[in-house]
Every structure is written in C-alpha cells, then in structure tokens.
C-alpha atoms as a PDB file:
ATOM      1  CA  UNK A   1     130.992  88.520  98.755  1.00  0.00           C
ATOM      2  CA  UNK A   2     128.464  85.798  98.976  1.00  0.00           C
ATOM      3  CA  UNK A   3     124.696  86.279  99.635  1.00  0.00           C
ATOM      4  CA  UNK A   4     123.471  85.198 102.880  1.00  0.00           C
ATOM      5  CA  UNK A   5     119.642  84.916 102.940  1.00  0.00           C
ATOM      6  CA  UNK A   6     119.434  84.842 106.714  1.00  0.00           C
ATOM      7  CA  UNK A   7     121.491  88.060 107.091  1.00  0.00           C
ATOM      8  CA  UNK A   8     119.341  89.863 104.316  1.00  0.00           C
ATOM      9  CA  UNK A   9     116.113  88.778 106.058  1.00  0.00           C
ATOM     10  CA  UNK A  10     117.450  89.994 109.369  1.00  0.00           C
ATOM     11  CA  UNK A  11     118.117  93.466 108.076  1.00  0.00           C
ATOM     12  CA  UNK A  12     114.766  93.739 106.489  1.00  0.00           C
ATOM     13  CA  UNK A  13     113.155  92.793 109.644  1.00  0.00           C
ATOM     14  CA  UNK A  14     115.061  95.022 111.513  1.00  0.00           C
ATOM     15  CA  UNK A  15     113.724  97.928 109.205  1.00  0.00           C
ATOM     16  CA  UNK A  16     110.255  96.735 109.683  1.00  0.00           C
ATOM     17  CA  UNK A  17     110.547  96.526 113.430  1.00  0.00           C
ATOM     18  CA  UNK A  18     111.774 100.231 113.518  1.00  0.00           C
ATOM     19  CA  UNK A  19     108.399 101.268 112.011  1.00  0.00           C
ATOM     20  CA  UNK A  20     105.759  98.946 113.946  1.00  0.00           C
ATOM     21  CA  UNK A  21     105.144  98.038 117.753  1.00  0.00           C
ATOM     22  CA  UNK A  22     102.460  96.383 119.417  1.00  0.00           C
ATOM     23  CA  UNK A  23     100.470  97.704 122.235  1.00  0.00           C
ATOM     24  CA  UNK A  24      98.146  95.988 124.824  1.00  0.00           C
ATOM     25  CA  UNK A  25      94.949  97.308 122.472  1.00  0.00           C
ATOM     26  CA  UNK A  26      96.658  96.642 119.189  1.00  0.00           C
ATOM     27  CA  UNK A  27      99.257  93.792 119.549  1.00  0.00           C
ATOM     28  CA  UNK A  28     101.890  92.810 116.834  1.00  0.00           C
ATOM     29  CA  UNK A  29     101.199  89.458 115.019  1.00  0.00           C
ATOM     30  CA  UNK A  30     104.688  88.254 114.421  1.00  0.00           C
ATOM     31  CA  UNK A  31     105.070  85.239 111.982  1.00  0.00           C
ATOM     32  CA  UNK A  32     108.053  83.184 111.630  1.00  0.00           C
ATOM     33  CA  UNK A  33     108.812  80.275 109.245  1.00  0.00           C
ATOM     34  CA  UNK A  34     111.474  77.541 109.558  1.00  0.00           C
ATOM     35  CA  UNK A  35     112.061  74.880 107.351  1.00  0.00           C
ATOM     36  CA  UNK A  36     109.602  72.507 109.339  1.00  0.00           C
ATOM     37  CA  UNK A  37     107.261  74.761 111.264  1.00  0.00           C
ATOM     38  CA  UNK A  38     105.196  77.825 111.169  1.00  0.00           C
ATOM     39  CA  UNK A  39     104.989  79.962 114.318  1.00  0.00           C
ATOM     40  CA  UNK A  40     102.602  82.987 114.908  1.00  0.00           C
ATOM     41  CA  UNK A  41     102.657  85.216 118.150  1.00  0.00           C
ATOM     42  CA  UNK A  42     100.526  88.246 119.501  1.00  0.00           C
ATOM     43  CA  UNK A  43     103.223  90.525 121.355  1.00  0.00           C
ATOM     44  CA  UNK A  44     102.616  93.424 123.486  1.00  0.00           C
ATOM     45  CA  UNK A  45     105.919  95.204 122.893  1.00  0.00           C
ATOM     46  CA  UNK A  46     105.453  97.847 125.745  1.00  0.00           C
ATOM     47  CA  UNK A  47     105.416  95.344 128.385  1.00  0.00           C
ATOM     48  CA  UNK A  48     107.626  92.863 126.403  1.00  0.00           C
ATOM     49  CA  UNK A  49     104.818  89.994 126.819  1.00  0.00           C
ATOM     50  CA  UNK A  50     103.460  87.327 124.357  1.00  0.00           C
ATOM     51  CA  UNK A  51      99.558  87.472 124.631  1.00  0.00           C
ATOM     52  CA  UNK A  52      98.865  84.346 122.620  1.00  0.00           C
ATOM     53  CA  UNK A  53     100.746  81.990 120.063  1.00  0.00           C
ATOM     54  CA  UNK A  54     100.109  79.381 117.656  1.00  0.00           C
ATOM     55  CA  UNK A  55     102.462  76.948 115.909  1.00  0.00           C
ATOM     56  CA  UNK A  56     102.641  73.642 113.976  1.00  0.00           C
ATOM     57  CA  UNK A  57     103.710  71.901 117.468  1.00  0.00           C
ATOM     58  CA  UNK A  58     100.157  72.135 118.349  1.00  0.00           C
ATOM     59  CA  UNK A  59      98.508  68.766 117.939  1.00  0.00           C
ATOM     60  CA  UNK A  60      95.495  70.273 116.411  1.00  0.00           C
ATOM     61  CA  UNK A  61      97.560  71.582 113.402  1.00  0.00           C
ATOM     62  CA  UNK A  62      99.304  69.288 110.795  1.00  0.00           C
ATOM     63  CA  UNK A  63     102.915  69.074 110.221  1.00  0.00           C
ATOM     64  CA  UNK A  64     105.515  70.902 107.959  1.00  0.00           C
ATOM     65  CA  UNK A  65     105.690  74.467 106.665  1.00  0.00           C
ATOM     66  CA  UNK A  66     103.261  74.433 104.029  1.00  0.00           C
ATOM     67  CA  UNK A  67     100.652  76.930 102.846  1.00  0.00           C
ATOM     68  CA  UNK A  68      97.854  74.620 104.156  1.00  0.00           C
ATOM     69  CA  UNK A  69      99.539  74.625 107.719  1.00  0.00           C
ATOM     70  CA  UNK A  70      99.931  78.386 107.340  1.00  0.00           C
ATOM     71  CA  UNK A  71      96.266  78.629 106.888  1.00  0.00           C
ATOM     72  CA  UNK A  72      95.477  76.576 109.876  1.00  0.00           C
ATOM     73  CA  UNK A  73      97.794  78.643 112.227  1.00  0.00           C
ATOM     74  CA  UNK A  74      96.192  82.045 110.910  1.00  0.00           C
ATOM     75  CA  UNK A  75      92.801  80.616 111.889  1.00  0.00           C
ATOM     76  CA  UNK A  76      94.193  79.236 115.205  1.00  0.00           C
ATOM     77  CA  UNK A  77      95.979  82.499 116.244  1.00  0.00           C
ATOM     78  CA  UNK A  78      92.506  84.545 115.392  1.00  0.00           C
ATOM     79  CA  UNK A  79      90.555  82.529 117.565  1.00  0.00           C
ATOM     80  CA  UNK A  80      93.061  82.737 120.412  1.00  0.00           C
ATOM     81  CA  UNK A  81      92.879  86.414 120.002  1.00  0.00           C
ATOM     82  CA  UNK A  82      89.364  86.536 120.233  1.00  0.00           C
ATOM     83  CA  UNK A  83      89.734  84.688 123.579  1.00  0.00           C
ATOM     84  CA  UNK A  84      92.274  87.140 124.882  1.00  0.00           C
ATOM     85  CA  UNK A  85      89.639  89.954 123.869  1.00  0.00           C
ATOM     86  CA  UNK A  86      91.667  91.100 120.964  1.00  0.00           C
ATOM     87  CA  UNK A  87      90.291  92.337 117.562  1.00  0.00           C
ATOM     88  CA  UNK A  88      92.884  94.356 115.838  1.00  0.00           C
ATOM     89  CA  UNK A  89      96.627  93.831 115.324  1.00  0.00           C
ATOM     90  CA  UNK A  90      99.701  95.046 113.664  1.00  0.00           C
ATOM     91  CA  UNK A  91     101.022  92.596 111.130  1.00  0.00           C
ATOM     92  CA  UNK A  92     104.859  91.827 111.269  1.00  0.00           C
ATOM     93  CA  UNK A  93     105.750  89.692 108.353  1.00  0.00           C
ATOM     94  CA  UNK A  94     109.243  89.000 109.723  1.00  0.00           C
ATOM     95  CA  UNK A  95     111.231  90.163 106.884  1.00  0.00           C
ATOM     96  CA  UNK A  96     109.659  87.642 104.595  1.00  0.00           C
ATOM     97  CA  UNK A  97     107.968  88.602 101.296  1.00  0.00           C
ATOM     98  CA  UNK A  98     104.147  89.001 101.487  1.00  0.00           C
ATOM     99  CA  UNK A  99     103.595  86.103  99.167  1.00  0.00           C
ATOM    100  CA  UNK A 100     102.795  82.324  99.614  1.00  0.00           C
ATOM    101  CA  UNK A 101     102.799  81.094 103.203  1.00  0.00           C
ATOM    102  CA  UNK A 102     102.898  84.689 104.761  1.00  0.00           C
ATOM    103  CA  UNK A 103      99.776  85.953 102.714  1.00  0.00           C
ATOM    104  CA  UNK A 104      98.113  82.420 103.551  1.00  0.00           C
ATOM    105  CA  UNK A 105      98.527  83.086 107.251  1.00  0.00           C
ATOM    106  CA  UNK A 106      97.423  86.623 106.940  1.00  0.00           C
ATOM    107  CA  UNK A 107      94.395  85.933 105.034  1.00  0.00           C
ATOM    108  CA  UNK A 108      93.128  83.099 107.211  1.00  0.00           C
ATOM    109  CA  UNK A 109      93.474  85.473 110.230  1.00  0.00           C
ATOM    110  CA  UNK A 110      91.670  88.250 108.358  1.00  0.00           C
ATOM    111  CA  UNK A 111      88.770  85.705 107.544  1.00  0.00           C
ATOM    112  CA  UNK A 112      88.813  84.535 111.105  1.00  0.00           C
ATOM    113  CA  UNK A 113      88.160  87.846 112.301  1.00  0.00           C
ATOM    114  CA  UNK A 114      91.431  89.904 113.039  1.00  0.00           C
ATOM    115  CA  UNK A 115      91.547  93.104 111.648  1.00  0.00           C
ATOM    116  CA  UNK A 116      94.810  94.769 110.241  1.00  0.00           C
END
C-alpha cells in the first residue's frame, strides 16, 4: 500500500472539521496551500457564506507559496476581517501541521488584531 499524502491530509482535515465550526460572530479562518498559492477565508458555516478572503492572487501580495507570502496573507485577512466587523475567529489549519507557513499566517493574523 502506498502513502498518499493528499488522502492523509484530507482525513486529518475531516477530523478537525468534526470539532470546529464557524458562526456569524466567530467565523472559521480556513487556510489552504497549493504548490503555487496561499489562500485564507473567513467562513460562516451556519449559513455557508464566505465573509472575507485573501490569496496570493491579489495584486498587493507577492507570488508563490512561501512563508513571506503567508505572513502577508495573514495580515491582509486580518484587515479584511476588521472591515467586516470581526475580531475573533476559529482557526482551521486545513489538515496541515501547525508549522512553517501555517504558523506564519496565524501569527501574522494575531499580530494584526485577530483573536483565536
């Protein structure tokens, strides 16, 4: 049997999602990393709505899925959360280990004013 990393990450993410859910007052900050991009969303799971998002597709952020771009995405999502009137979120690491890019994005969002 071969190890399929995407399948393992999907299973870990499913376990995480059983335990956490976003509300209107405290949405879920979901992060996703592809090989080329970094994505972050604030999601209200009760209504199934995305409140705010940020990614490396935005012109104000650099290219690539690096720690530096993860920091800028963390700051950008925190700014957009403030505009939407959100100060507290639930962090969803998306099945990734809390290390490197995930930790950098979370720390930058905390420094910019989000609480989680």
